[in-house]
Structures are given as structure tokens and as C-alpha cells.
Amino acid sequence: LMEAQLSTDRNIAYHRNQRNPDKFPPHTLTFAYGDWKYGKISHELGTLDHTLRRKILIELQDDFHRGDFIIEALKHPILLAELLKVLSEKDDERRTLGSSCIMLLCNNQKGREQLVEGKHIGAIRTLFDDDIVEIRRNAYWGMLYLSEYTFGKEAIVEAEVLQVLVEKLLFEMEEEILILVLKLLAGLSNAEKAPVILLKT
């Protein structure tokens, strides 16, 4: 082979100059395509192909454990909008996966900023009433992550979450969730408007 007869420098140059472009895969379920990947996922998450949507949610849940992946994903506003829609779906598994993705966004600076600036706290609050314990757990942990920062804490109070938490003290039956309710109430109690709201509740 000609390649075997080349010097080391020329062998490197030979490989560098080869053109072997990778074709895009038929689906988005690969980690290798960066910004293009999340653009395509954003649109496919809005389709009626529930099998594909489930796979996308599983992948996003895995991806969102990495901050750099979250930053890339949130360059596509449609993606967050579609994730928020998943929270109101009837399918328990997809709703659970969606709530997990939102919780992970709450634990990331860029995710927190977009959730607060987009006034999406109310969408998370609605999950407090979900029948699935894991979904309620994800919602409370998401709020707890948000409440660690002043702007997040104030946004939660503005979204009238305090009033809901007081009610949950009476009606939440799961002990582990009740503990999260108490933790969140304690974390929000030093927000600027919290004392007045709690006195009226």
C-alpha cells in the first residue's frame, strides 16, 4: 500500500486531508452532533411520535446532568417550551421524565435564569398536585434548587407558591414529600414579601 511507504509526517498529512464526512443519523439519539442535535430534538419533541418523544426525554434527562449540554440545549427556546408542555401530558412516564428534566434545569444557572425570566414557576407549581410521587418530588426539588438564589426565591414567592405550600402541609400524605414542603417553606421564609404573605395565609 502507498500509505505504508509514506514517512510519518506525510502519513499524518495523508490522513488529515482525507474527506470522510459523517452523515447525520436518521434520529437525534446520539451525543455526537452538538448544536444540530438539540435543534432537531426541539422539533421532534413536538411531534405525535410518542415512542420517539419518550426516547428523546430519556436522552435529555441523561444529558442534563452536564451543564455544557444544558447550555447548548437552551440555545433553542422551542426545547424548553416543549418540555413544559410535557408536564401537562396524560402519560405518566413522559410526564415523569419531563419533570426530571425541569428539576435538572433548576439546578443549573442557565436553566434557572430561563425558567425565572420566562415566568415558568407556575408550571412547576402545578406538579405539586400530581398523583405520581416521583413527579411531586421532582417539582419540590426543582423549587428547592431555585430557592437557593435570591432571584429564584423571589420569583417563587411572586408565583404564589407560599400559599400552596401552606395548604400542602394539611393535605400531603407522603412523609418524604411533606419534609420537602417544610424545607421549601423554611427556605422561602426570609424572602422579602414572605412574612406578610404567611401572616395572611
N, C-alpha and C. Protein backbone atom coordinates (compact mmCIF):
# COMPACT_ATOMS: atom_id res chain seq x y z
N LEU A 1 0.83 -1.20 0.00
CA LEU A 1 0.00 0.00 0.00
C LEU A 1 0.86 1.25 0.00
N MET A 2 0.39 2.27 -0.74
CA MET A 2 1.13 3.52 -0.79
C MET A 2 1.27 4.12 0.60
N GLU A 3 0.22 3.97 1.41
CA GLU A 3 0.21 4.55 2.75
C GLU A 3 1.36 4.01 3.60
N ALA A 4 1.67 2.72 3.44
CA ALA A 4 2.72 2.09 4.23
C ALA A 4 4.10 2.63 3.87
N GLN A 5 4.27 3.19 2.67
CA GLN A 5 5.57 3.67 2.22
C GLN A 5 5.80 5.15 2.54
N LEU A 6 4.79 5.83 3.13
CA LEU A 6 4.92 7.25 3.44
C LEU A 6 5.70 7.45 4.73
N SER A 7 6.42 8.58 4.81
CA SER A 7 7.08 8.95 6.05
C SER A 7 6.02 9.30 7.09
N THR A 8 6.43 9.41 8.35
CA THR A 8 5.47 9.70 9.41
C THR A 8 4.74 11.01 9.16
N ASP A 9 5.49 12.07 8.80
CA ASP A 9 4.87 13.38 8.55
C ASP A 9 3.89 13.31 7.40
N ARG A 10 4.28 12.63 6.33
CA ARG A 10 3.39 12.53 5.17
C ARG A 10 2.20 11.63 5.48
N ASN A 11 2.40 10.61 6.33
CA ASN A 11 1.30 9.72 6.71
C ASN A 11 0.23 10.51 7.47
N ILE A 12 0.68 11.37 8.39
CA ILE A 12 -0.26 12.21 9.15
C ILE A 12 -1.01 13.14 8.20
N ALA A 13 -0.26 13.75 7.28
CA ALA A 13 -0.89 14.67 6.31
C ALA A 13 -1.88 13.94 5.42
N TYR A 14 -1.55 12.71 5.07
CA TYR A 14 -2.43 11.90 4.22
C TYR A 14 -3.78 11.69 4.90
N HIS A 15 -3.74 11.32 6.19
CA HIS A 15 -4.99 11.08 6.92
C HIS A 15 -5.75 12.37 7.18
N ARG A 16 -5.01 13.44 7.45
CA ARG A 16 -5.65 14.73 7.72
C ARG A 16 -6.41 15.24 6.51
N ASN A 17 -5.91 14.97 5.34
CA ASN A 17 -6.51 15.50 4.11
C ASN A 17 -7.63 14.63 3.54
N GLN A 18 -7.86 13.47 4.15
CA GLN A 18 -8.95 12.62 3.67
C GLN A 18 -10.30 13.27 3.96
N ARG A 19 -11.24 13.02 3.11
CA ARG A 19 -12.59 13.55 3.31
C ARG A 19 -13.55 12.40 3.54
N ASN A 20 -13.91 12.22 4.79
CA ASN A 20 -14.85 11.15 5.14
C ASN A 20 -15.98 11.74 5.98
N PRO A 21 -16.83 12.55 5.38
CA PRO A 21 -17.87 13.21 6.18
C PRO A 21 -18.87 12.21 6.74
N ASP A 22 -19.21 12.40 8.02
CA ASP A 22 -20.23 11.57 8.64
C ASP A 22 -21.61 12.09 8.26
N LYS A 23 -22.48 11.20 7.85
CA LYS A 23 -23.86 11.59 7.55
C LYS A 23 -24.62 11.71 8.86
N PHE A 24 -25.59 12.63 8.88
CA PHE A 24 -26.42 12.75 10.07
C PHE A 24 -27.22 11.46 10.24
N PRO A 25 -27.42 11.03 11.48
CA PRO A 25 -28.21 9.81 11.71
C PRO A 25 -29.69 10.08 11.44
N PRO A 26 -30.49 9.03 11.22
CA PRO A 26 -31.91 9.23 10.93
C PRO A 26 -32.68 9.80 12.11
N HIS A 27 -32.18 9.59 13.33
CA HIS A 27 -32.83 10.15 14.51
C HIS A 27 -31.80 10.94 15.30
N THR A 28 -32.26 11.67 16.29
CA THR A 28 -31.37 12.57 17.03
C THR A 28 -30.64 11.85 18.15
N LEU A 29 -30.91 10.60 18.38
CA LEU A 29 -30.43 9.96 19.59
C LEU A 29 -28.96 9.58 19.50
N THR A 30 -28.13 10.59 19.49
CA THR A 30 -26.68 10.43 19.50
C THR A 30 -26.07 11.63 20.19
N PHE A 31 -24.95 11.46 20.83
CA PHE A 31 -24.32 12.56 21.55
C PHE A 31 -23.36 13.34 20.67
N ALA A 32 -23.21 12.97 19.39
CA ALA A 32 -22.07 13.44 18.61
C ALA A 32 -22.31 14.66 17.74
N TYR A 33 -23.52 15.24 17.76
CA TYR A 33 -23.80 16.26 16.75
C TYR A 33 -24.09 17.65 17.32
N GLY A 34 -23.72 17.86 18.59
CA GLY A 34 -23.69 19.19 19.17
C GLY A 34 -24.95 20.01 18.97
N ASP A 35 -24.76 21.22 18.51
CA ASP A 35 -25.84 22.19 18.38
C ASP A 35 -26.94 21.68 17.46
N TRP A 36 -26.55 21.00 16.39
CA TRP A 36 -27.54 20.46 15.46
C TRP A 36 -28.48 19.49 16.16
N LYS A 37 -27.93 18.70 17.06
CA LYS A 37 -28.72 17.70 17.77
C LYS A 37 -29.91 18.33 18.50
N TYR A 38 -29.65 19.38 19.28
CA TYR A 38 -30.72 19.96 20.09
C TYR A 38 -31.72 20.75 19.24
N GLY A 39 -31.29 21.27 18.12
CA GLY A 39 -32.23 21.92 17.21
C GLY A 39 -33.23 20.92 16.67
N LYS A 40 -32.75 19.75 16.29
CA LYS A 40 -33.63 18.72 15.74
C LYS A 40 -34.53 18.13 16.82
N ILE A 41 -33.94 17.91 18.01
CA ILE A 41 -34.72 17.39 19.13
C ILE A 41 -35.87 18.34 19.47
N SER A 42 -35.61 19.64 19.42
CA SER A 42 -36.63 20.63 19.76
C SER A 42 -37.89 20.45 18.94
N HIS A 43 -37.71 20.15 17.65
CA HIS A 43 -38.86 19.98 16.76
C HIS A 43 -39.49 18.59 16.91
N GLU A 44 -38.66 17.57 17.09
CA GLU A 44 -39.19 16.21 17.21
C GLU A 44 -39.95 16.00 18.51
N LEU A 45 -39.61 16.78 19.54
CA LEU A 45 -40.32 16.65 20.81
C LEU A 45 -41.77 17.13 20.68
N GLY A 46 -42.04 17.91 19.66
CA GLY A 46 -43.40 18.40 19.43
C GLY A 46 -44.22 17.54 18.49
N THR A 47 -43.66 16.40 18.05
CA THR A 47 -44.39 15.53 17.13
C THR A 47 -45.34 14.61 17.89
N LEU A 48 -46.09 13.81 17.14
CA LEU A 48 -47.02 12.85 17.74
C LEU A 48 -46.43 11.45 17.84
N ASP A 49 -45.14 11.32 17.52
CA ASP A 49 -44.46 10.03 17.62
C ASP A 49 -44.05 9.83 19.09
N HIS A 50 -44.94 9.18 19.86
CA HIS A 50 -44.72 9.08 21.30
C HIS A 50 -43.52 8.21 21.65
N THR A 51 -43.21 7.22 20.83
CA THR A 51 -42.04 6.38 21.08
C THR A 51 -40.76 7.20 20.96
N LEU A 52 -40.69 8.00 19.90
CA LEU A 52 -39.52 8.86 19.70
C LEU A 52 -39.42 9.90 20.80
N ARG A 53 -40.55 10.48 21.17
CA ARG A 53 -40.56 11.51 22.21
C ARG A 53 -40.08 10.94 23.54
N ARG A 54 -40.48 9.71 23.85
CA ARG A 54 -40.02 9.06 25.08
C ARG A 54 -38.51 8.89 25.06
N LYS A 55 -37.97 8.45 23.93
CA LYS A 55 -36.52 8.26 23.81
C LYS A 55 -35.78 9.60 23.94
N ILE A 56 -36.36 10.64 23.37
CA ILE A 56 -35.74 11.97 23.46
C ILE A 56 -35.72 12.44 24.92
N LEU A 57 -36.81 12.23 25.64
CA LEU A 57 -36.87 12.65 27.04
C LEU A 57 -35.87 11.90 27.90
N ILE A 58 -35.69 10.61 27.61
CA ILE A 58 -34.70 9.81 28.33
C ILE A 58 -33.31 10.36 28.07
N GLU A 59 -33.05 10.70 26.82
CA GLU A 59 -31.73 11.24 26.46
C GLU A 59 -31.50 12.61 27.10
N LEU A 60 -32.52 13.46 27.06
CA LEU A 60 -32.38 14.78 27.68
C LEU A 60 -32.14 14.66 29.18
N GLN A 61 -32.84 13.74 29.82
CA GLN A 61 -32.64 13.52 31.25
C GLN A 61 -31.18 13.15 31.53
N ASP A 62 -30.61 12.34 30.68
CA ASP A 62 -29.21 11.94 30.82
C ASP A 62 -28.29 13.13 30.53
N ASP A 63 -28.56 13.85 29.44
CA ASP A 63 -27.75 15.00 29.04
C ASP A 63 -27.71 16.09 30.10
N PHE A 64 -28.86 16.33 30.74
CA PHE A 64 -28.98 17.47 31.63
C PHE A 64 -28.24 17.31 32.96
N HIS A 65 -27.53 16.19 33.11
CA HIS A 65 -26.62 16.06 34.25
C HIS A 65 -25.31 16.81 33.97
N ARG A 66 -25.17 17.31 32.74
CA ARG A 66 -23.98 18.07 32.36
C ARG A 66 -24.36 19.50 31.99
N GLY A 67 -23.70 20.43 32.66
CA GLY A 67 -24.02 21.84 32.43
C GLY A 67 -23.78 22.31 31.02
N ASP A 68 -22.71 21.80 30.36
CA ASP A 68 -22.42 22.24 28.99
C ASP A 68 -23.50 21.79 28.02
N PHE A 69 -24.08 20.62 28.28
CA PHE A 69 -25.18 20.14 27.43
C PHE A 69 -26.43 21.00 27.63
N ILE A 70 -26.68 21.41 28.87
CA ILE A 70 -27.83 22.27 29.14
C ILE A 70 -27.69 23.59 28.41
N ILE A 71 -26.49 24.17 28.45
CA ILE A 71 -26.25 25.44 27.77
C ILE A 71 -26.51 25.32 26.28
N GLU A 72 -26.04 24.23 25.67
CA GLU A 72 -26.28 24.01 24.24
C GLU A 72 -27.77 23.83 23.96
N ALA A 73 -28.43 23.06 24.81
CA ALA A 73 -29.86 22.77 24.59
C ALA A 73 -30.71 24.04 24.68
N LEU A 74 -30.38 24.91 25.63
CA LEU A 74 -31.20 26.10 25.86
C LEU A 74 -30.95 27.21 24.85
N LYS A 75 -30.05 26.97 23.91
CA LYS A 75 -29.91 27.90 22.79
C LYS A 75 -31.12 27.81 21.87
N HIS A 76 -31.95 26.80 22.09
CA HIS A 76 -33.15 26.57 21.29
C HIS A 76 -34.37 26.76 22.18
N PRO A 77 -34.98 27.95 22.19
CA PRO A 77 -36.11 28.24 23.07
C PRO A 77 -37.27 27.26 22.91
N ILE A 78 -37.42 26.70 21.72
CA ILE A 78 -38.52 25.75 21.48
C ILE A 78 -38.38 24.53 22.39
N LEU A 79 -37.15 24.15 22.69
CA LEU A 79 -36.93 22.95 23.50
C LEU A 79 -37.53 23.11 24.89
N LEU A 80 -37.28 24.24 25.54
CA LEU A 80 -37.85 24.47 26.86
C LEU A 80 -39.37 24.54 26.78
N ALA A 81 -39.89 25.18 25.75
CA ALA A 81 -41.34 25.28 25.59
C ALA A 81 -41.97 23.89 25.45
N GLU A 82 -41.34 23.01 24.69
CA GLU A 82 -41.86 21.65 24.51
C GLU A 82 -41.75 20.83 25.79
N LEU A 83 -40.67 21.03 26.53
CA LEU A 83 -40.52 20.33 27.82
C LEU A 83 -41.62 20.73 28.79
N LEU A 84 -41.96 22.00 28.81
CA LEU A 84 -43.01 22.48 29.70
C LEU A 84 -44.37 21.91 29.32
N LYS A 85 -44.58 21.71 28.02
CA LYS A 85 -45.83 21.08 27.57
C LYS A 85 -45.95 19.64 28.06
N VAL A 86 -44.81 18.96 28.14
CA VAL A 86 -44.80 17.56 28.59
C VAL A 86 -45.34 17.44 30.01
N LEU A 87 -45.16 18.48 30.82
CA LEU A 87 -45.59 18.44 32.22
C LEU A 87 -47.10 18.28 32.37
N SER A 88 -47.85 18.61 31.34
CA SER A 88 -49.32 18.51 31.43
C SER A 88 -49.87 17.33 30.63
N GLU A 89 -48.99 16.45 30.18
CA GLU A 89 -49.44 15.28 29.42
C GLU A 89 -50.12 14.25 30.33
N LYS A 90 -50.93 13.41 29.74
CA LYS A 90 -51.61 12.37 30.50
C LYS A 90 -50.72 11.16 30.76
N ASP A 91 -49.74 10.94 29.88
CA ASP A 91 -48.86 9.78 30.03
C ASP A 91 -47.93 9.98 31.23
N ASP A 92 -48.02 9.07 32.21
CA ASP A 92 -47.25 9.22 33.44
C ASP A 92 -45.75 9.16 33.22
N GLU A 93 -45.29 8.25 32.35
CA GLU A 93 -43.85 8.10 32.15
C GLU A 93 -43.25 9.34 31.51
N ARG A 94 -43.88 9.85 30.46
CA ARG A 94 -43.34 11.04 29.81
C ARG A 94 -43.39 12.24 30.74
N ARG A 95 -44.46 12.33 31.52
CA ARG A 95 -44.59 13.45 32.47
C ARG A 95 -43.51 13.36 33.55
N THR A 96 -43.21 12.15 33.99
CA THR A 96 -42.16 11.94 34.99
C THR A 96 -40.80 12.34 34.42
N LEU A 97 -40.52 11.91 33.20
CA LEU A 97 -39.25 12.26 32.56
C LEU A 97 -39.14 13.77 32.37
N GLY A 98 -40.24 14.39 31.96
CA GLY A 98 -40.24 15.84 31.77
C GLY A 98 -39.98 16.58 33.07
N SER A 99 -40.59 16.10 34.16
CA SER A 99 -40.39 16.75 35.46
C SER A 99 -38.95 16.60 35.93
N SER A 100 -38.33 15.47 35.60
CA SER A 100 -36.93 15.25 35.95
C SER A 100 -36.03 16.22 35.19
N CYS A 101 -36.33 16.41 33.90
CA CYS A 101 -35.55 17.36 33.09
C CYS A 101 -35.66 18.77 33.65
N ILE A 102 -36.86 19.18 34.04
CA ILE A 102 -37.07 20.52 34.59
C ILE A 102 -36.33 20.67 35.92
N MET A 103 -36.36 19.63 36.74
CA MET A 103 -35.64 19.67 38.01
C MET A 103 -34.14 19.90 37.78
N LEU A 104 -33.59 19.21 36.78
CA LEU A 104 -32.16 19.35 36.47
C LEU A 104 -31.86 20.75 35.94
N LEU A 105 -32.79 21.34 35.20
CA LEU A 105 -32.62 22.72 34.73
C LEU A 105 -32.59 23.69 35.92
N CYS A 106 -33.39 23.40 36.92
CA CYS A 106 -33.43 24.25 38.11
C CYS A 106 -32.10 24.22 38.87
N ASN A 107 -31.33 23.19 38.64
CA ASN A 107 -30.04 23.04 39.33
C ASN A 107 -28.88 23.55 38.47
N ASN A 108 -29.20 24.32 37.46
CA ASN A 108 -28.18 24.87 36.55
C ASN A 108 -28.43 26.37 36.39
N GLN A 109 -27.37 27.15 36.38
CA GLN A 109 -27.54 28.61 36.33
C GLN A 109 -28.34 29.08 35.12
N LYS A 110 -27.97 28.59 33.94
CA LYS A 110 -28.67 29.00 32.72
C LYS A 110 -30.12 28.53 32.75
N GLY A 111 -30.33 27.33 33.26
CA GLY A 111 -31.69 26.81 33.37
C GLY A 111 -32.54 27.64 34.31
N ARG A 112 -31.97 27.99 35.46
CA ARG A 112 -32.70 28.83 36.43
C ARG A 112 -33.08 30.16 35.81
N GLU A 113 -32.12 30.77 35.12
CA GLU A 113 -32.38 32.08 34.52
C GLU A 113 -33.54 32.02 33.53
N GLN A 114 -33.55 31.00 32.67
CA GLN A 114 -34.61 30.93 31.66
C GLN A 114 -35.96 30.60 32.27
N LEU A 115 -35.96 29.76 33.29
CA LEU A 115 -37.23 29.42 33.95
C LEU A 115 -37.82 30.64 34.67
N VAL A 116 -36.96 31.42 35.30
CA VAL A 116 -37.43 32.60 36.03
C VAL A 116 -37.81 33.71 35.06
N GLU A 117 -36.95 34.01 34.11
CA GLU A 117 -37.23 35.08 33.15
C GLU A 117 -38.46 34.78 32.30
N GLY A 118 -38.68 33.50 32.01
CA GLY A 118 -39.85 33.12 31.23
C GLY A 118 -41.11 32.97 32.05
N LYS A 119 -40.99 33.20 33.36
CA LYS A 119 -42.13 33.09 34.30
C LYS A 119 -42.78 31.70 34.23
N HIS A 120 -41.94 30.68 34.34
CA HIS A 120 -42.41 29.29 34.25
C HIS A 120 -42.56 28.61 35.61
N ILE A 121 -42.42 29.37 36.69
CA ILE A 121 -42.52 28.79 38.03
C ILE A 121 -43.91 28.17 38.24
N GLY A 122 -44.92 28.82 37.70
CA GLY A 122 -46.28 28.31 37.86
C GLY A 122 -46.46 26.92 37.27
N ALA A 123 -45.78 26.65 36.16
CA ALA A 123 -45.88 25.32 35.53
C ALA A 123 -45.30 24.25 36.44
N ILE A 124 -44.23 24.60 37.16
CA ILE A 124 -43.64 23.65 38.10
C ILE A 124 -44.55 23.48 39.31
N ARG A 125 -45.14 24.58 39.75
CA ARG A 125 -46.03 24.54 40.92
C ARG A 125 -47.21 23.59 40.71
N THR A 126 -47.73 23.51 39.49
CA THR A 126 -48.88 22.64 39.23
C THR A 126 -48.55 21.17 39.50
N LEU A 127 -47.27 20.83 39.44
CA LEU A 127 -46.87 19.43 39.67
C LEU A 127 -46.99 19.03 41.13
N PHE A 128 -47.18 19.99 42.03
CA PHE A 128 -47.40 19.66 43.44
C PHE A 128 -48.66 18.82 43.62
N ASP A 129 -49.58 18.92 42.66
CA ASP A 129 -50.85 18.20 42.74
C ASP A 129 -50.85 16.88 41.97
N ASP A 130 -49.72 16.53 41.37
CA ASP A 130 -49.67 15.33 40.55
C ASP A 130 -49.87 14.07 41.40
N ASP A 131 -50.50 13.06 40.81
CA ASP A 131 -50.75 11.80 41.52
C ASP A 131 -49.48 10.98 41.71
N ILE A 132 -48.47 11.21 40.86
CA ILE A 132 -47.24 10.43 40.91
C ILE A 132 -46.27 11.06 41.91
N VAL A 133 -45.87 10.27 42.90
CA VAL A 133 -44.99 10.77 43.96
C VAL A 133 -43.67 11.29 43.38
N GLU A 134 -43.09 10.57 42.44
CA GLU A 134 -41.81 10.97 41.87
C GLU A 134 -41.90 12.33 41.19
N ILE A 135 -43.03 12.60 40.55
CA ILE A 135 -43.21 13.89 39.89
C ILE A 135 -43.29 15.01 40.92
N ARG A 136 -44.03 14.77 42.00
CA ARG A 136 -44.10 15.77 43.07
C ARG A 136 -42.72 15.99 43.68
N ARG A 137 -42.00 14.91 43.87
CA ARG A 137 -40.63 15.01 44.41
C ARG A 137 -39.75 15.86 43.51
N ASN A 138 -39.80 15.61 42.21
CA ASN A 138 -39.01 16.40 41.26
C ASN A 138 -39.37 17.87 41.31
N ALA A 139 -40.67 18.14 41.43
CA ALA A 139 -41.12 19.54 41.47
C ALA A 139 -40.59 20.25 42.70
N TYR A 140 -40.67 19.60 43.85
CA TYR A 140 -40.19 20.24 45.08
C TYR A 140 -38.68 20.42 45.07
N TRP A 141 -37.96 19.43 44.57
CA TRP A 141 -36.50 19.59 44.49
C TRP A 141 -36.13 20.71 43.52
N GLY A 142 -36.88 20.81 42.43
CA GLY A 142 -36.63 21.91 41.50
C GLY A 142 -36.81 23.26 42.18
N MET A 143 -37.89 23.40 42.94
CA MET A 143 -38.13 24.64 43.66
C MET A 143 -37.05 24.90 44.71
N LEU A 144 -36.60 23.83 45.38
CA LEU A 144 -35.54 23.98 46.37
C LEU A 144 -34.25 24.49 45.73
N TYR A 145 -33.93 23.96 44.55
CA TYR A 145 -32.74 24.43 43.84
C TYR A 145 -32.89 25.92 43.47
N LEU A 146 -34.07 26.28 43.01
CA LEU A 146 -34.32 27.68 42.65
C LEU A 146 -34.21 28.60 43.87
N SER A 147 -34.71 28.11 45.00
CA SER A 147 -34.79 28.95 46.20
C SER A 147 -33.42 29.20 46.84
N GLU A 148 -32.39 28.53 46.36
CA GLU A 148 -31.04 28.76 46.90
C GLU A 148 -30.48 30.11 46.45
N TYR A 149 -31.13 30.74 45.49
CA TYR A 149 -30.66 32.01 44.94
C TYR A 149 -31.75 33.06 45.12
N THR A 150 -31.35 34.27 45.45
CA THR A 150 -32.31 35.32 45.77
C THR A 150 -33.32 35.55 44.65
N PHE A 151 -32.84 35.63 43.41
CA PHE A 151 -33.77 35.90 42.30
C PHE A 151 -34.76 34.75 42.13
N GLY A 152 -34.31 33.54 42.39
CA GLY A 152 -35.20 32.38 42.30
C GLY A 152 -36.21 32.37 43.43
N LYS A 153 -35.74 32.69 44.61
CA LYS A 153 -36.61 32.72 45.80
C LYS A 153 -37.72 33.76 45.61
N GLU A 154 -37.35 34.94 45.14
CA GLU A 154 -38.35 35.99 44.95
C GLU A 154 -39.34 35.62 43.85
N ALA A 155 -38.85 34.93 42.81
CA ALA A 155 -39.74 34.51 41.72
C ALA A 155 -40.75 33.47 42.22
N ILE A 156 -40.31 32.58 43.08
CA ILE A 156 -41.21 31.57 43.64
C ILE A 156 -42.31 32.22 44.46
N VAL A 157 -41.92 33.21 45.28
CA VAL A 157 -42.91 33.92 46.10
C VAL A 157 -43.89 34.68 45.22
N GLU A 158 -43.38 35.32 44.16
CA GLU A 158 -44.24 36.06 43.23
C GLU A 158 -45.23 35.12 42.54
N ALA A 159 -44.85 33.86 42.36
CA ALA A 159 -45.73 32.89 41.69
C ALA A 159 -46.74 32.27 42.65
N GLU A 160 -46.85 32.85 43.85
CA GLU A 160 -47.86 32.45 44.86
C GLU A 160 -47.68 30.99 45.30
N VAL A 161 -46.45 30.59 45.41
CA VAL A 161 -46.16 29.22 45.84
C VAL A 161 -46.32 29.06 47.35
N LEU A 162 -46.03 30.11 48.10
CA LEU A 162 -46.13 30.03 49.56
C LEU A 162 -47.53 29.61 50.00
N GLN A 163 -48.53 30.22 49.42
CA GLN A 163 -49.91 29.89 49.79
C GLN A 163 -50.22 28.42 49.53
N VAL A 164 -49.70 27.89 48.43
CA VAL A 164 -49.92 26.48 48.09
C VAL A 164 -49.21 25.57 49.08
N LEU A 165 -48.01 25.96 49.49
CA LEU A 165 -47.24 25.14 50.43
C LEU A 165 -47.95 25.01 51.77
N VAL A 166 -48.56 26.08 52.23
CA VAL A 166 -49.30 26.03 53.50
C VAL A 166 -50.44 25.03 53.40
N GLU A 167 -51.13 25.01 52.27
CA GLU A 167 -52.20 24.03 52.07
C GLU A 167 -51.66 22.61 52.04
N LYS A 168 -50.48 22.45 51.42
CA LYS A 168 -49.89 21.11 51.30
C LYS A 168 -49.52 20.54 52.67
N LEU A 169 -49.26 21.40 53.64
CA LEU A 169 -48.98 20.92 54.99
C LEU A 169 -50.16 20.14 55.56
N LEU A 170 -51.34 20.48 55.09
CA LEU A 170 -52.56 19.83 55.57
C LEU A 170 -52.94 18.59 54.77
N PHE A 171 -52.63 18.61 53.47
CA PHE A 171 -53.18 17.57 52.59
C PHE A 171 -52.16 16.59 52.02
N GLU A 172 -50.87 16.88 52.08
CA GLU A 172 -49.87 15.96 51.54
C GLU A 172 -49.76 14.74 52.45
N MET A 173 -49.92 13.55 51.86
CA MET A 173 -49.95 12.32 52.64
C MET A 173 -48.60 11.60 52.71
N GLU A 174 -47.72 11.87 51.75
CA GLU A 174 -46.41 11.19 51.73
C GLU A 174 -45.42 11.92 52.63
N GLU A 175 -44.84 11.18 53.56
CA GLU A 175 -43.95 11.80 54.54
C GLU A 175 -42.73 12.45 53.89
N GLU A 176 -42.13 11.75 52.90
CA GLU A 176 -40.93 12.31 52.26
C GLU A 176 -41.23 13.61 51.54
N ILE A 177 -42.43 13.71 50.96
CA ILE A 177 -42.82 14.95 50.27
C ILE A 177 -43.13 16.04 51.28
N LEU A 178 -43.74 15.66 52.37
CA LEU A 178 -44.06 16.63 53.43
C LEU A 178 -42.78 17.26 53.98
N ILE A 179 -41.74 16.48 54.09
CA ILE A 179 -40.44 17.00 54.55
C ILE A 179 -39.91 18.05 53.55
N LEU A 180 -40.09 17.77 52.24
CA LEU A 180 -39.66 18.73 51.22
C LEU A 180 -40.48 20.01 51.28
N VAL A 181 -41.77 19.88 51.58
CA VAL A 181 -42.63 21.05 51.74
C VAL A 181 -42.10 21.93 52.87
N LEU A 182 -41.76 21.30 53.99
CA LEU A 182 -41.25 22.05 55.14
C LEU A 182 -39.91 22.71 54.82
N LYS A 183 -39.05 22.00 54.10
CA LYS A 183 -37.75 22.57 53.72
C LYS A 183 -37.93 23.78 52.81
N LEU A 184 -38.86 23.67 51.88
CA LEU A 184 -39.09 24.78 50.95
C LEU A 184 -39.69 25.97 51.68
N LEU A 185 -40.63 25.71 52.57
CA LEU A 185 -41.21 26.81 53.36
C LEU A 185 -40.14 27.53 54.17
N ALA A 186 -39.25 26.74 54.78
CA ALA A 186 -38.18 27.34 55.58
C ALA A 186 -37.25 28.18 54.70
N GLY A 187 -36.95 27.68 53.51
CA GLY A 187 -36.05 28.40 52.61
C GLY A 187 -36.64 29.68 52.06
N LEU A 188 -37.97 29.70 51.93
CA LEU A 188 -38.64 30.88 51.37
C LEU A 188 -39.02 31.91 52.43
N SER A 189 -38.95 31.52 53.69
CA SER A 189 -39.47 32.37 54.76
C SER A 189 -38.74 33.70 54.91
N ASN A 190 -37.49 33.76 54.41
CA ASN A 190 -36.75 35.03 54.52
C ASN A 190 -36.77 35.84 53.23
N ALA A 191 -37.64 35.46 52.29
CA ALA A 191 -37.83 36.29 51.10
C ALA A 191 -38.50 37.59 51.52
N GLU A 192 -38.31 38.63 50.74
CA GLU A 192 -38.77 39.97 51.13
C GLU A 192 -40.25 40.03 51.48
N LYS A 193 -41.11 39.43 50.66
CA LYS A 193 -42.55 39.52 50.87
C LYS A 193 -43.13 38.34 51.65
N ALA A 194 -42.29 37.37 51.99
CA ALA A 194 -42.77 36.14 52.62
C ALA A 194 -43.49 36.36 53.96
N PRO A 195 -42.93 37.14 54.89
CA PRO A 195 -43.62 37.30 56.20
C PRO A 195 -45.05 37.82 56.08
N VAL A 196 -45.25 38.80 55.23
CA VAL A 196 -46.61 39.36 55.07
C VAL A 196 -47.55 38.32 54.48
N ILE A 197 -47.06 37.59 53.48
CA ILE A 197 -47.91 36.58 52.83
C ILE A 197 -48.27 35.48 53.82
N LEU A 198 -47.29 35.02 54.60
CA LEU A 198 -47.54 33.93 55.55
C LEU A 198 -48.51 34.36 56.65
N LEU A 199 -48.45 35.62 57.05
CA LEU A 199 -49.38 36.11 58.08
C LEU A 199 -50.81 36.14 57.57
N LYS A 200 -50.98 36.34 56.26
CA LYS A 200 -52.32 36.41 55.67
C LYS A 200 -52.86 35.04 55.28
N THR A 201 -52.00 34.03 55.31
CA THR A 201 -52.40 32.70 54.83
C THR A 201 -52.97 31.86 55.98
